[in-house]
Amino acid sequence: MLARYIYSSALASLLSRLTGLGVSIVISGISFRYLKEDDLAIFLLIIGATNFVSFSDLGLGNSLVNKIIDISDRAKKLSKLNEYLKKSLFISLFYIVVALIVVLFGESISNVYMWSVFFVYLSLSVPLSLVSKYRLSNKDIKTDQFLFSIGRILSLVLCCIAIWLEFNVIFIVSLYLLGDLLYKGLNTFLVFDNVSIEKNEENIFDIRFLKYFLFQLFYVLIFTGDMVLVKSIYSNLDVSVYFATSRIFDLIPVITMIIVSPLWPVLRKGELTSLDVNIMTRIIVSVIFLVACAFACLNIIGEYLFNAWLGDNYEFSLVLVNMLFLQAITISLFHASNVYLQSKEKISAQILIASSWFFISLFFKLTFQSMGSYIFPMVNSIVIIIVFFVFLIWNRYDKII
C-alpha cells in the first residue's frame, strides 16, 4: 500500500512538473522571440522568482506539515489549517507593505511597478499555498498536482494571448501570475467546501516557527541574491541568457522532490520499510542514469537544442550550461536532505547548512563576479558540497542535530 502511494504520488508529481516545465520552455521561447531586450530580462527574472514562492511563507508551511501529520482526525486537521491560514495573513500584510514601499519610494528601482505586482502576488499566494502543504501532509498529492497543471496551462494561454496582442510586459507578467493564483484558489475551495471548522487557538509563532523562518530566509537569500547580482552586473542580454538557460535545469531538483516529498509523512510516522527503501533506491538509480544521459546530450548537441528553442538571439555557453547542471544536482541533494531533516524537526541542522552556504558563497560570488555569470552556479555547487561534507563528518562524531 505504501509503495503504491509512493509510485502514484511520484507519477502525478512528475506529470504535473513536466507540464510546468513545458510551459516554462514554451513561454521562454516565445518571450525570447517577441519581447524587447529590456522587457525580456525583467520578465524572465520575475518568472524565475516564482520558483521560490513556496519559501515566501517564511517557514509557516513547513511547520504546518508536521502538525497535520501528527493529527488523525480530519476535522481537527482542517481546524489546524484554518488556524495557520489566519496567521498567514500577517505575512501577507508584510508583502503588501513592501509593495507599497516599492511604489512610493522606489524611484531608483528599475521596473518598480513590476516588482510591486510581484509582491502583491506573494501576499495572495502565501495563505493559498498552505493548502498544498496540507495535501502533502494528508497524502493527497495527486489532486494538488492536477490543479497545478491546469494553472500552468492557463498561465501559458493567457501569456500567449497577451504577447500576441502586444500588451505591456507588466500585464503579461500579471496574467502569468494570475494562472497560479487561480489554481491555488480552487485548491483552497475544494479543501474547505462543505466542512465545518472547529475553533482552535494556539500560538504558532513560537521558537519552532522562528527556526523555520531563519532557514527559509537563508535559502531565499541565496538565490534571490544571485538574481539581484546578475541583474545589476551584466547586460540585459546576458541576464536573459542566464535565466532562460537555468529554466531547463529546474527539472532535476523537481524530479528529486517528486521522489522524496511523498516520503515526508512516511518518515514522520516511521512507516518506511526495507521494501520501500529498495523501491526508492531503484527509482533513484534510474534517475541518475537519465541525468547522466541528459548531461551527455547537453555537451554533444546542447548548442543546437538551445538555439532551436530560443532563436538566433541566444548566445550558447557550454560552461554556463555545465555549471547550471552541476548546481541542479547539488540543489537536489539539498532538497532531499531537507525532507528528512524537516520530517524529524531537526531545524537547527537546516539553519546551519543554509546559513553556511549563504555566507561562504556570497563572499566568493562577490570576489569572482567579473569572471562571468557562470560563477554563480559554480560557487553554489562547490560550497554546498563542501558544507555537506563538513556537516556529515561533524555529525558523525558530534551529534549536533
Protein backbone atom coordinates (compact mmCIF):
# COMPACT_ATOMS: atom_id res chain seq x y z
CA MET A 1 0.00 0.00 0.00
CA LEU A 2 2.79 2.39 0.89
CA ALA A 3 4.70 1.51 -2.30
CA ARG A 4 1.55 2.22 -4.34
CA TYR A 5 1.21 5.61 -2.63
CA ILE A 6 4.83 6.47 -3.42
CA TYR A 7 4.50 5.39 -7.06
CA SER A 8 1.16 7.13 -7.69
CA SER A 9 2.25 10.32 -5.94
CA ALA A 10 5.57 10.36 -7.82
CA LEU A 11 3.81 9.80 -11.16
CA ALA A 12 1.25 12.55 -10.52
CA SER A 13 4.00 14.96 -9.46
CA LEU A 14 6.17 14.04 -12.45
CA LEU A 15 3.38 14.66 -14.96
CA SER A 16 2.42 17.97 -13.37
CA ARG A 17 6.00 19.21 -13.14
CA LEU A 18 6.71 18.16 -16.72
CA THR A 19 3.66 20.22 -17.65
CA GLY A 20 5.04 23.15 -15.68
CA LEU A 21 8.47 22.77 -17.27
CA GLY A 22 6.91 22.53 -20.72
CA VAL A 23 5.01 25.76 -20.07
CA SER A 24 8.23 27.45 -18.92
CA ILE A 25 10.09 26.28 -22.03
CA VAL A 26 7.34 27.50 -24.36
CA ILE A 27 6.97 30.86 -22.62
CA SER A 28 10.76 31.39 -22.56
CA GLY A 29 11.00 30.56 -26.27
CA ILE A 30 8.14 32.89 -27.20
CA SER A 31 9.39 35.74 -24.99
CA PHE A 32 12.92 35.48 -26.46
CA ARG A 33 11.47 35.98 -29.92
CA TYR A 34 8.82 38.63 -29.32
CA LEU A 35 9.73 40.73 -26.27
CA LYS A 36 12.15 43.64 -26.30
CA GLU A 37 15.53 43.10 -24.66
CA ASP A 38 14.73 45.21 -21.56
CA ASP A 39 11.29 43.62 -21.12
CA LEU A 40 12.70 40.14 -21.71
CA ALA A 41 15.25 40.41 -18.89
CA ILE A 42 12.75 41.50 -16.23
CA PHE A 43 10.09 39.06 -17.50
CA LEU A 44 12.41 36.06 -17.16
CA LEU A 45 13.65 37.37 -13.80
CA ILE A 46 10.11 37.54 -12.39
CA ILE A 47 9.16 34.14 -13.82
CA GLY A 48 12.33 32.68 -12.29
CA ALA A 49 11.50 34.26 -8.93
CA THR A 50 8.22 32.31 -8.83
CA ASN A 51 10.29 29.16 -8.28
CA PHE A 52 10.84 30.35 -4.71
CA VAL A 53 7.23 31.19 -3.93
CA SER A 54 6.99 28.05 -1.78
CA PHE A 55 9.51 29.73 0.55
CA SER A 56 7.58 33.00 0.73
CA ASP A 57 5.54 31.80 3.73
CA LEU A 58 8.73 32.19 5.78
CA GLY A 59 8.58 28.70 7.25
CA LEU A 60 4.88 28.61 8.15
CA GLY A 61 4.06 25.84 5.65
CA ASN A 62 6.81 23.50 6.82
CA SER A 63 5.71 23.98 10.41
CA LEU A 64 2.15 23.10 9.35
CA VAL A 65 3.11 19.82 7.64
CA ASN A 66 4.40 18.10 10.78
CA LYS A 67 1.44 19.43 12.79
CA ILE A 68 -1.05 17.91 10.33
CA ILE A 69 0.79 14.58 10.13
CA ASP A 70 0.57 14.18 13.91
CA ILE A 71 -3.25 14.67 13.86
CA SER A 72 -5.53 11.77 12.88
CA ASP A 73 -8.98 13.43 12.88
CA ARG A 74 -9.87 15.22 9.61
CA ALA A 75 -11.91 17.97 11.26
CA LYS A 76 -9.03 18.78 13.59
CA LYS A 77 -6.62 18.79 10.65
CA LEU A 78 -8.76 21.34 8.81
CA SER A 79 -9.09 23.34 12.01
CA LYS A 80 -5.31 23.46 12.27
CA LEU A 81 -5.04 24.50 8.61
CA ASN A 82 -7.65 27.23 9.15
CA GLU A 83 -5.67 28.49 12.13
CA TYR A 84 -2.49 28.71 10.07
CA LEU A 85 -4.33 30.45 7.24
CA LYS A 86 -5.46 33.20 9.62
CA LYS A 87 -1.95 33.67 10.95
CA SER A 88 -0.52 33.74 7.40
CA LEU A 89 -2.45 36.96 6.80
CA PHE A 90 0.20 38.76 8.87
CA ILE A 91 2.83 37.63 6.35
CA SER A 92 0.54 38.70 3.51
CA LEU A 93 0.22 42.12 5.10
CA PHE A 94 4.01 42.34 5.22
CA TYR A 95 4.23 41.78 1.42
CA ILE A 96 1.51 44.38 0.83
CA VAL A 97 3.50 46.91 2.84
CA VAL A 98 6.64 46.03 0.85
CA ALA A 99 4.71 46.56 -2.41
CA LEU A 100 3.53 49.98 -1.22
CA ILE A 101 7.05 50.97 -0.15
CA VAL A 102 8.41 49.92 -3.55
CA VAL A 103 5.78 52.04 -5.35
CA LEU A 104 6.12 55.10 -3.12
CA PHE A 105 9.87 55.19 -2.54
CA GLY A 106 11.38 53.01 -5.25
CA GLU A 107 12.09 55.61 -7.92
CA SER A 108 15.65 54.31 -8.29
CA ILE A 109 14.46 50.72 -8.79
CA SER A 110 14.07 49.69 -12.43
CA ASN A 111 10.65 48.21 -13.29
CA VAL A 112 9.26 49.38 -9.96
CA TYR A 113 5.64 48.54 -10.86
CA MET A 114 6.61 45.06 -11.99
CA TRP A 115 8.10 44.32 -8.58
CA SER A 116 5.09 45.78 -6.81
CA VAL A 117 2.86 43.40 -8.79
CA PHE A 118 5.10 40.52 -7.75
CA PHE A 119 4.89 41.40 -4.05
CA VAL A 120 1.10 41.70 -4.27
CA TYR A 121 1.12 38.24 -5.86
CA LEU A 122 3.18 36.95 -2.92
CA SER A 123 0.70 38.43 -0.46
CA LEU A 124 -2.12 36.47 -2.10
CA SER A 125 -0.06 33.34 -2.67
CA VAL A 126 1.14 32.83 0.92
CA PRO A 127 -2.17 31.75 2.51
CA LEU A 128 -3.30 29.83 -0.58
CA SER A 129 0.00 27.89 -0.76
CA LEU A 130 -0.60 26.42 2.69
CA VAL A 131 -3.30 24.20 1.22
CA SER A 132 -0.69 22.43 -0.90
CA LYS A 133 1.27 21.74 2.29
CA TYR A 134 -1.93 20.38 3.85
CA ARG A 135 -2.45 17.98 0.94
CA LEU A 136 1.18 16.82 1.18
CA SER A 137 0.87 16.04 4.89
CA ASN A 138 -2.50 14.34 4.25
CA LYS A 139 -1.04 12.11 1.48
CA ASP A 140 -3.26 13.78 -1.13
CA ILE A 141 -0.67 14.99 -3.61
CA LYS A 142 -2.44 13.91 -6.80
CA THR A 143 -5.28 16.45 -6.56
CA ASP A 144 -2.86 19.29 -5.88
CA GLN A 145 -0.61 18.35 -8.80
CA PHE A 146 -3.56 18.04 -11.20
CA LEU A 147 -4.73 21.54 -10.30
CA PHE A 148 -1.14 22.79 -10.59
CA SER A 149 -1.03 21.53 -14.20
CA ILE A 150 -4.32 23.28 -15.01
CA GLY A 151 -2.98 26.52 -13.52
CA ARG A 152 0.23 26.36 -15.52
CA ILE A 153 -1.60 25.69 -18.79
CA LEU A 154 -3.91 28.62 -18.05
CA SER A 155 -0.86 30.84 -17.41
CA LEU A 156 0.58 29.78 -20.78
CA VAL A 157 -2.63 30.54 -22.66
CA LEU A 158 -3.05 33.94 -21.00
CA CYS A 159 0.60 34.89 -21.62
CA CYS A 160 0.50 33.85 -25.29
CA ILE A 161 -2.66 35.90 -25.87
CA ALA A 162 -1.12 38.93 -24.13
CA ILE A 163 2.14 38.67 -26.11
CA TRP A 164 0.22 38.20 -29.37
CA LEU A 165 -1.87 41.31 -28.63
CA GLU A 166 1.37 43.18 -27.74
CA PHE A 167 0.28 44.09 -24.23
CA ASN A 168 2.61 45.82 -21.78
CA VAL A 169 5.08 43.43 -20.11
CA ILE A 170 3.60 44.25 -16.67
CA PHE A 171 0.24 42.98 -17.89
CA ILE A 172 1.85 39.86 -19.35
CA VAL A 173 3.53 39.04 -16.04
CA SER A 174 0.28 39.71 -14.16
CA LEU A 175 -1.59 37.21 -16.35
CA TYR A 176 1.11 34.57 -15.78
CA LEU A 177 0.83 35.03 -12.02
CA LEU A 178 -2.98 35.03 -12.24
CA GLY A 179 -2.98 31.46 -13.55
CA ASP A 180 -1.03 30.33 -10.48
CA LEU A 181 -3.37 32.17 -8.10
CA LEU A 182 -6.46 30.64 -9.72
CA TYR A 183 -5.03 27.13 -9.22
CA LYS A 184 -4.30 27.83 -5.56
CA GLY A 185 -7.69 29.46 -5.01
CA LEU A 186 -9.54 26.47 -6.47
CA ASN A 187 -7.37 24.14 -4.40
CA THR A 188 -8.35 26.01 -1.23
CA PHE A 189 -12.04 26.00 -2.13
CA LEU A 190 -12.06 22.22 -2.69
CA VAL A 191 -10.40 21.55 0.67
CA PHE A 192 -12.83 23.64 2.71
CA ASP A 193 -16.01 23.00 0.72
CA ASN A 194 -18.87 21.81 2.98
CA VAL A 195 -16.62 21.33 6.02
CA SER A 196 -17.27 22.74 9.48
CA ILE A 197 -14.23 24.18 11.24
CA GLU A 198 -13.60 23.81 14.93
CA LYS A 199 -12.17 26.81 16.74
CA ASN A 200 -8.61 26.21 17.85
CA GLU A 201 -6.43 28.92 19.28
CA GLU A 202 -2.79 28.01 19.58
CA ASN A 203 0.16 30.35 19.31
CA ILE A 204 2.02 29.13 16.23
CA PHE A 205 4.58 31.94 16.22
CA ASP A 206 6.83 30.06 18.62
CA ILE A 207 10.54 29.26 18.61
CA ARG A 208 9.97 26.44 16.11
CA PHE A 209 8.39 28.84 13.63
CA LEU A 210 11.27 31.27 14.10
CA LYS A 211 13.72 28.49 13.27
CA TYR A 212 11.80 27.60 10.12
CA PHE A 213 11.77 31.30 9.26
CA LEU A 214 15.57 31.55 9.56
CA PHE A 215 16.10 28.50 7.37
CA GLN A 216 13.72 29.76 4.67
CA LEU A 217 15.27 33.22 4.83
CA PHE A 218 18.81 32.00 4.17
CA TYR A 219 17.70 29.73 1.33
CA VAL A 220 15.73 32.50 -0.37
CA LEU A 221 18.62 34.96 0.08
CA ILE A 222 20.99 32.59 -1.72
CA PHE A 223 19.04 32.59 -4.97
CA THR A 224 17.34 35.98 -4.84
CA GLY A 225 20.83 37.34 -4.17
CA ASP A 226 22.01 35.63 -7.34
CA MET A 227 19.16 37.20 -9.28
CA VAL A 228 19.89 40.68 -7.96
CA LEU A 229 23.63 40.40 -8.61
CA VAL A 230 23.20 39.00 -12.12
CA LYS A 231 20.67 41.72 -12.99
CA SER A 232 22.85 44.54 -11.61
CA ILE A 233 26.20 43.39 -13.03
CA TYR A 234 25.52 42.04 -16.52
CA SER A 235 23.78 43.30 -19.65
CA ASN A 236 20.09 42.60 -20.30
CA LEU A 237 21.02 40.03 -22.93
CA ASP A 238 23.35 38.21 -20.51
CA VAL A 239 20.62 38.28 -17.87
CA SER A 240 18.09 36.84 -20.31
CA VAL A 241 20.50 34.10 -21.38
CA TYR A 242 21.26 33.21 -17.76
CA PHE A 243 17.64 32.89 -16.65
CA ALA A 244 16.40 31.24 -19.83
CA THR A 245 19.18 28.63 -19.63
CA SER A 246 18.55 27.96 -15.95
CA ARG A 247 14.87 27.19 -16.62
CA ILE A 248 15.68 23.90 -18.33
CA PHE A 249 17.66 22.65 -15.33
CA ASP A 250 14.76 23.16 -12.93
CA LEU A 251 13.64 19.65 -13.89
CA ILE A 252 16.42 17.92 -11.94
CA PRO A 253 15.56 19.32 -8.47
CA VAL A 254 11.88 18.90 -9.37
CA ILE A 255 12.36 15.18 -10.06
CA THR A 256 14.19 14.87 -6.76
CA MET A 257 11.33 16.50 -4.89
CA ILE A 258 8.88 14.25 -6.76
CA ILE A 259 10.69 11.22 -5.35
CA VAL A 260 11.28 12.40 -1.80
CA SER A 261 8.29 14.65 -0.99
CA PRO A 262 5.80 11.77 -0.60
CA LEU A 263 8.20 10.32 1.99
CA TRP A 264 7.77 13.27 4.36
CA PRO A 265 4.65 11.94 6.14
CA VAL A 266 6.04 8.39 5.90
CA LEU A 267 9.33 9.35 7.58
CA ARG A 268 7.46 11.42 10.15
CA LYS A 269 5.43 8.38 11.27
CA GLY A 270 8.28 5.87 10.85
CA GLU A 271 6.36 3.75 8.34
CA LEU A 272 9.18 3.20 5.85
CA THR A 273 10.03 -0.48 5.34
CA SER A 274 13.03 -2.19 3.74
CA LEU A 275 10.89 -2.97 0.67
CA ASP A 276 10.05 0.70 0.26
CA VAL A 277 13.74 1.60 0.59
CA ASN A 278 14.59 -0.88 -2.19
CA ILE A 279 11.90 0.62 -4.41
CA MET A 280 13.16 4.14 -3.81
CA THR A 281 16.74 3.00 -4.46
CA ARG A 282 15.77 1.61 -7.86
CA ILE A 283 13.96 4.83 -8.73
CA ILE A 284 16.97 6.93 -7.70
CA VAL A 285 19.37 4.76 -9.74
CA SER A 286 17.10 5.14 -12.77
CA VAL A 287 17.02 8.91 -12.33
CA ILE A 288 20.81 9.05 -12.03
CA PHE A 289 21.08 7.13 -15.31
CA LEU A 290 18.68 9.52 -17.05
CA VAL A 291 20.55 12.53 -15.65
CA ALA A 292 23.85 11.12 -16.96
CA CYS A 293 22.30 10.67 -20.40
CA ALA A 294 20.96 14.23 -20.32
CA PHE A 295 24.41 15.53 -19.37
CA ALA A 296 25.99 13.74 -22.34
CA CYS A 297 23.33 15.11 -24.71
CA LEU A 298 23.82 18.65 -23.49
CA ASN A 299 27.55 18.50 -24.17
CA ILE A 300 27.11 16.94 -27.62
CA ILE A 301 24.08 18.70 -29.11
CA GLY A 302 23.31 21.32 -26.44
CA GLU A 303 24.11 24.31 -28.65
CA TYR A 304 21.79 23.11 -31.40
CA LEU A 305 18.94 22.42 -28.95
CA PHE A 306 19.16 25.77 -27.15
CA ASN A 307 19.44 27.79 -30.37
CA ALA A 308 16.46 25.94 -31.84
CA TRP A 309 14.49 26.68 -28.67
CA LEU A 310 15.40 30.33 -28.05
CA GLY A 311 16.32 31.54 -31.54
CA ASP A 312 19.29 33.36 -33.02
CA ASN A 313 19.44 35.97 -30.24
CA TYR A 314 20.53 33.32 -27.76
CA GLU A 315 24.28 33.01 -27.12
CA PHE A 316 25.08 29.45 -26.08
CA SER A 317 27.70 28.92 -23.35
CA LEU A 318 28.77 25.35 -22.65
CA VAL A 319 30.49 26.44 -19.41
CA LEU A 320 27.29 28.07 -18.12
CA VAL A 321 25.23 25.01 -19.10
CA ASN A 322 27.57 22.62 -17.26
CA MET A 323 27.71 24.83 -14.15
CA LEU A 324 23.91 25.11 -14.03
CA PHE A 325 23.70 21.35 -14.46
CA LEU A 326 26.08 20.81 -11.53
CA GLN A 327 24.12 23.32 -9.44
CA ALA A 328 20.88 21.44 -10.16
CA ILE A 329 22.45 18.21 -8.89
CA THR A 330 23.69 19.79 -5.66
CA ILE A 331 20.35 21.54 -5.05
CA SER A 332 18.69 18.15 -5.44
CA LEU A 333 20.95 16.84 -2.68
CA PHE A 334 19.98 19.82 -0.56
CA HIS A 335 16.25 19.26 -1.11
CA ALA A 336 16.46 15.54 -0.38
CA SER A 337 18.25 16.11 2.92
CA ASN A 338 15.74 18.81 3.88
CA VAL A 339 12.79 16.44 3.55
CA TYR A 340 14.42 14.08 6.05
CA LEU A 341 15.54 16.84 8.44
CA GLN A 342 12.17 18.57 8.36
CA SER A 343 10.25 15.35 8.94
CA LYS A 344 12.32 14.85 12.10
CA GLU A 345 12.13 18.55 13.02
CA LYS A 346 15.91 18.87 13.01
CA ILE A 347 15.61 22.52 12.09
CA SER A 348 18.88 23.64 13.68
CA ALA A 349 20.79 21.47 11.23
CA GLN A 350 18.94 23.05 8.30
CA ILE A 351 19.77 26.54 9.57
CA LEU A 352 23.43 25.59 9.95
CA ILE A 353 23.66 24.24 6.40
CA ALA A 354 21.71 27.09 4.75
CA SER A 355 23.48 29.89 6.63
CA SER A 356 26.94 28.42 5.94
CA TRP A 357 26.04 28.08 2.28
CA PHE A 358 24.80 31.68 2.10
CA PHE A 359 27.71 33.47 3.78
CA ILE A 360 30.51 31.44 2.19
CA SER A 361 29.05 31.55 -1.32
CA LEU A 362 28.30 35.28 -1.08
CA PHE A 363 31.96 36.02 -0.35
CA PHE A 364 33.21 34.07 -3.38
CA LYS A 365 30.48 35.41 -5.71
CA LEU A 366 31.38 38.99 -4.90
CA THR A 367 35.09 38.21 -5.25
CA PHE A 368 34.92 36.44 -8.63
CA GLN A 369 31.84 38.05 -10.22
CA SER A 370 33.92 39.55 -13.03
CA MET A 371 34.60 36.06 -14.44
CA GLY A 372 31.04 35.82 -15.82
CA SER A 373 27.57 34.70 -14.82
CA TYR A 374 28.64 31.03 -14.71
CA ILE A 375 30.50 31.81 -11.47
CA PHE A 376 27.21 31.88 -9.52
CA PRO A 377 26.11 28.27 -10.11
CA MET A 378 29.72 27.09 -9.87
CA VAL A 379 30.21 28.68 -6.43
CA ASN A 380 26.81 27.40 -5.23
CA SER A 381 27.73 23.85 -6.26
CA ILE A 382 31.21 23.79 -4.74
CA VAL A 383 30.15 25.44 -1.47
CA ILE A 384 27.15 23.21 -0.84
CA ILE A 385 29.24 20.08 -1.48
CA ILE A 386 31.90 21.28 0.98
CA VAL A 387 29.29 22.31 3.57
CA PHE A 388 27.56 18.95 3.34
CA PHE A 389 30.84 17.07 3.61
CA VAL A 390 31.92 19.01 6.71
CA PHE A 391 28.44 18.70 8.19
CA LEU A 392 28.33 14.91 7.76
CA ILE A 393 31.77 14.47 9.33
CA TRP A 394 30.85 16.74 12.23
CA ASN A 395 27.54 14.99 12.77
CA ARG A 396 29.30 11.62 12.69
CA TYR A 397 31.44 12.46 15.71
CA ASP A 398 29.33 15.09 17.45
CA LYS A 399 25.52 14.70 17.32
CA ILE A 400 24.65 18.30 16.62
CA ILE A 401 21.23 17.51 15.23
